[in-house]
C-alpha atoms as a PDB file:
ATOM      1  CA  UNK A   1     -18.742 -47.126 -84.591  1.00  0.00           C
ATOM      2  CA  UNK A   2     -20.726 -44.664 -82.446  1.00  0.00           C
ATOM      3  CA  UNK A   3     -20.648 -40.913 -82.108  1.00  0.00           C
ATOM      4  CA  UNK A   4     -17.268 -39.173 -82.239  1.00  0.00           C
ATOM      5  CA  UNK A   5     -16.189 -35.791 -80.918  1.00  0.00           C
ATOM      6  CA  UNK A   6     -13.339 -33.350 -81.363  1.00  0.00           C
ATOM      7  CA  UNK A   7     -11.972 -32.332 -77.954  1.00  0.00           C
ATOM      8  CA  UNK A   8     -10.114 -29.137 -77.043  1.00  0.00           C
ATOM      9  CA  UNK A   9      -8.299 -29.442 -73.725  1.00  0.00           C
ATOM     10  CA  UNK A  10      -7.697 -26.543 -71.341  1.00  0.00           C
ATOM     11  CA  UNK A  11      -4.054 -26.354 -72.468  1.00  0.00           C
ATOM     12  CA  UNK A  12      -5.194 -25.834 -76.079  1.00  0.00           C
ATOM     13  CA  UNK A  13      -4.346 -29.346 -77.310  1.00  0.00           C
ATOM     14  CA  UNK A  14      -6.929 -30.726 -79.738  1.00  0.00           C
ATOM     15  CA  UNK A  15      -7.818 -34.394 -80.090  1.00  0.00           C
ATOM     16  CA  UNK A  16     -10.041 -35.382 -83.000  1.00  0.00           C
ATOM     17  CA  UNK A  17     -12.453 -38.252 -83.534  1.00  0.00           C
ATOM     18  CA  UNK A  18     -12.752 -39.330 -79.887  1.00  0.00           C
ATOM     19  CA  UNK A  19     -15.309 -42.091 -79.411  1.00  0.00           C
ATOM     20  CA  UNK A  20     -18.240 -41.178 -77.142  1.00  0.00           C
ATOM     21  CA  UNK A  21     -17.559 -44.370 -75.177  1.00  0.00           C
ATOM     22  CA  UNK A  22     -14.141 -42.908 -74.221  1.00  0.00           C
ATOM     23  CA  UNK A  23     -15.707 -39.825 -72.659  1.00  0.00           C
ATOM     24  CA  UNK A  24     -17.464 -39.202 -69.369  1.00  0.00           C
ATOM     25  CA  UNK A  25     -19.367 -36.145 -68.103  1.00  0.00           C
ATOM     26  CA  UNK A  26     -17.363 -33.557 -66.216  1.00  0.00           C
ATOM     27  CA  UNK A  27     -17.871 -33.909 -62.485  1.00  0.00           C
ATOM     28  CA  UNK A  28     -18.865 -30.631 -60.932  1.00  0.00           C
ATOM     29  CA  UNK A  29     -17.938 -30.420 -57.252  1.00  0.00           C
ATOM     30  CA  UNK A  30     -20.892 -30.637 -54.873  1.00  0.00           C
ATOM     31  CA  UNK A  31     -20.082 -27.192 -53.487  1.00  0.00           C
ATOM     32  CA  UNK A  32     -19.752 -25.512 -56.895  1.00  0.00           C
ATOM     33  CA  UNK A  33     -21.580 -22.217 -56.758  1.00  0.00           C
ATOM     34  CA  UNK A  34     -21.930 -22.407 -52.989  1.00  0.00           C
ATOM     35  CA  UNK A  35     -20.508 -18.922 -52.481  1.00  0.00           C
ATOM     36  CA  UNK A  36     -21.891 -16.117 -54.654  1.00  0.00           C
ATOM     37  CA  UNK A  37     -19.764 -13.249 -55.890  1.00  0.00           C
ATOM     38  CA  UNK A  38     -19.420 -10.648 -53.125  1.00  0.00           C
ATOM     39  CA  UNK A  39     -19.871 -13.150 -50.269  1.00  0.00           C
ATOM     40  CA  UNK A  40     -17.939 -12.450 -47.070  1.00  0.00           C
ATOM     41  CA  UNK A  41     -15.899 -15.569 -46.317  1.00  0.00           C
ATOM     42  CA  UNK A  42     -12.774 -16.784 -44.571  1.00  0.00           C
ATOM     43  CA  UNK A  43      -9.920 -18.563 -46.354  1.00  0.00           C
ATOM     44  CA  UNK A  44      -7.937 -21.333 -44.633  1.00  0.00           C
ATOM     45  CA  UNK A  45      -4.280 -20.305 -44.536  1.00  0.00           C
ATOM     46  CA  UNK A  46      -2.876 -22.973 -42.229  1.00  0.00           C
ATOM     47  CA  UNK A  47      -4.868 -26.116 -41.459  1.00  0.00           C
ATOM     48  CA  UNK A  48      -2.430 -27.271 -38.757  1.00  0.00           C
ATOM     49  CA  UNK A  49      -2.854 -24.068 -36.730  1.00  0.00           C
ATOM     50  CA  UNK A  50      -6.439 -23.526 -37.958  1.00  0.00           C
ATOM     51  CA  UNK A  51      -5.697 -20.002 -39.198  1.00  0.00           C
ATOM     52  CA  UNK A  52      -8.422 -18.358 -41.298  1.00  0.00           C
ATOM     53  CA  UNK A  53      -8.287 -14.912 -42.921  1.00  0.00           C
ATOM     54  CA  UNK A  54     -11.207 -12.710 -44.002  1.00  0.00           C
ATOM     55  CA  UNK A  55     -11.854 -12.471 -47.730  1.00  0.00           C
ATOM     56  CA  UNK A  56     -14.517 -11.620 -50.307  1.00  0.00           C
ATOM     57  CA  UNK A  57     -15.502 -13.802 -53.277  1.00  0.00           C
ATOM     58  CA  UNK A  58     -14.616 -12.050 -56.565  1.00  0.00           C
ATOM     59  CA  UNK A  59     -15.445 -14.798 -59.066  1.00  0.00           C
ATOM     60  CA  UNK A  60     -16.928 -18.287 -59.194  1.00  0.00           C
ATOM     61  CA  UNK A  61     -15.452 -20.769 -61.705  1.00  0.00           C
ATOM     62  CA  UNK A  62     -17.192 -23.715 -63.337  1.00  0.00           C
ATOM     63  CA  UNK A  63     -14.657 -26.094 -61.764  1.00  0.00           C
ATOM     64  CA  UNK A  64     -15.872 -25.139 -58.280  1.00  0.00           C
ATOM     65  CA  UNK A  65     -12.945 -22.855 -57.418  1.00  0.00           C
ATOM     66  CA  UNK A  66     -13.126 -19.194 -56.448  1.00  0.00           C
ATOM     67  CA  UNK A  67     -11.148 -16.001 -56.917  1.00  0.00           C
ATOM     68  CA  UNK A  68     -10.939 -14.053 -53.671  1.00  0.00           C
ATOM     69  CA  UNK A  69      -9.587 -10.778 -52.311  1.00  0.00           C
ATOM     70  CA  UNK A  70      -8.212 -10.708 -48.772  1.00  0.00           C
ATOM     71  CA  UNK A  71      -9.822  -8.011 -46.665  1.00  0.00           C
ATOM     72  CA  UNK A  72      -6.710  -7.092 -44.678  1.00  0.00           C
ATOM     73  CA  UNK A  73      -4.417  -6.071 -47.541  1.00  0.00           C
ATOM     74  CA  UNK A  74      -6.392  -6.411 -50.786  1.00  0.00           C
ATOM     75  CA  UNK A  75      -4.263  -9.281 -52.101  1.00  0.00           C
ATOM     76  CA  UNK A  76      -6.057 -11.376 -54.713  1.00  0.00           C
ATOM     77  CA  UNK A  77      -5.844 -15.150 -55.056  1.00  0.00           C
ATOM     78  CA  UNK A  78      -7.245 -17.186 -57.931  1.00  0.00           C
ATOM     79  CA  UNK A  79      -8.772 -20.679 -58.077  1.00  0.00           C
ATOM     80  CA  UNK A  80      -9.098 -21.319 -54.334  1.00  0.00           C
ATOM     81  CA  UNK A  81     -10.689 -24.692 -53.563  1.00  0.00           C
ATOM     82  CA  UNK A  82     -14.112 -24.638 -51.897  1.00  0.00           C
ATOM     83  CA  UNK A  83     -12.781 -26.858 -49.097  1.00  0.00           C
ATOM     84  CA  UNK A  84     -10.514 -23.954 -48.061  1.00  0.00           C
ATOM     85  CA  UNK A  85     -13.367 -21.434 -47.753  1.00  0.00           C
ATOM     86  CA  UNK A  86     -15.976 -21.056 -45.043  1.00  0.00           C
ATOM     87  CA  UNK A  87     -18.628 -18.562 -44.012  1.00  0.00           C
ATOM     88  CA  UNK A  88     -17.097 -15.622 -42.179  1.00  0.00           C
ATOM     89  CA  UNK A  89     -17.628 -16.414 -38.503  1.00  0.00           C
ATOM     90  CA  UNK A  90     -16.606 -13.125 -36.955  1.00  0.00           C
ATOM     91  CA  UNK A  91     -17.000  -9.551 -38.072  1.00  0.00           C
ATOM     92  CA  UNK A  92     -13.670  -8.021 -38.956  1.00  0.00           C
ATOM     93  CA  UNK A  93     -12.402  -5.446 -36.504  1.00  0.00           C
ATOM     94  CA  UNK A  94     -10.968  -2.443 -38.301  1.00  0.00           C
ATOM     95  CA  UNK A  95      -7.899  -0.813 -36.731  1.00  0.00           C
ATOM     96  CA  UNK A  96      -8.447   2.264 -34.505  1.00  0.00           C
ATOM     97  CA  UNK A  97      -7.434   4.694 -37.264  1.00  0.00           C
ATOM     98  CA  UNK A  98     -10.222   3.343 -39.469  1.00  0.00           C
ATOM     99  CA  UNK A  99     -12.743   3.681 -36.643  1.00  0.00           C
ATOM    100  CA  UNK A 100     -11.691   7.234 -35.932  1.00  0.00           C
ATOM    101  CA  UNK A 101     -11.847   8.318 -39.578  1.00  0.00           C
ATOM    102  CA  UNK A 102     -14.882   6.454 -40.872  1.00  0.00           C
ATOM    103  CA  UNK A 103     -16.937   5.206 -37.942  1.00  0.00           C
ATOM    104  CA  UNK A 104     -16.779   8.121 -35.504  1.00  0.00           C
ATOM    105  CA  UNK A 105     -20.481   8.824 -36.015  1.00  0.00           C
ATOM    106  CA  UNK A 106     -21.305   5.483 -34.335  1.00  0.00           C
ATOM    107  CA  UNK A 107     -20.004   6.370 -30.894  1.00  0.00           C
ATOM    108  CA  UNK A 108     -18.407   8.986 -28.711  1.00  0.00           C
ATOM    109  CA  UNK A 109     -14.674   9.483 -29.472  1.00  0.00           C
ATOM    110  CA  UNK A 110     -13.591   8.451 -25.954  1.00  0.00           C
ATOM    111  CA  UNK A 111     -15.625   5.240 -25.946  1.00  0.00           C
ATOM    112  CA  UNK A 112     -13.123   3.504 -28.254  1.00  0.00           C
ATOM    113  CA  UNK A 113     -10.526   3.266 -25.501  1.00  0.00           C
END
């Protein structure tokens, strides 16, 4: 008999005396760690209509998933697959009230029309 291990599964179940030959290394997705915390990304909402929404990476998990916060309303989503995230392709356009209150120093007030 070879090496044996005690295993604790993610649901808390424990299995004792598991033969090393019955185990295999955990596969880490190729894209794991691709997006660092704070990265500006887009999240795929509808693959049929190709709808993407701006988000920011909040956390990176060892399983290759990400926690994100949507830029438009601050909603958080946990464990989003890497295949549903891409680099943000367009800068987000804030609504006029945001421009007038926080970005007025960038241009003349009448040039926003």
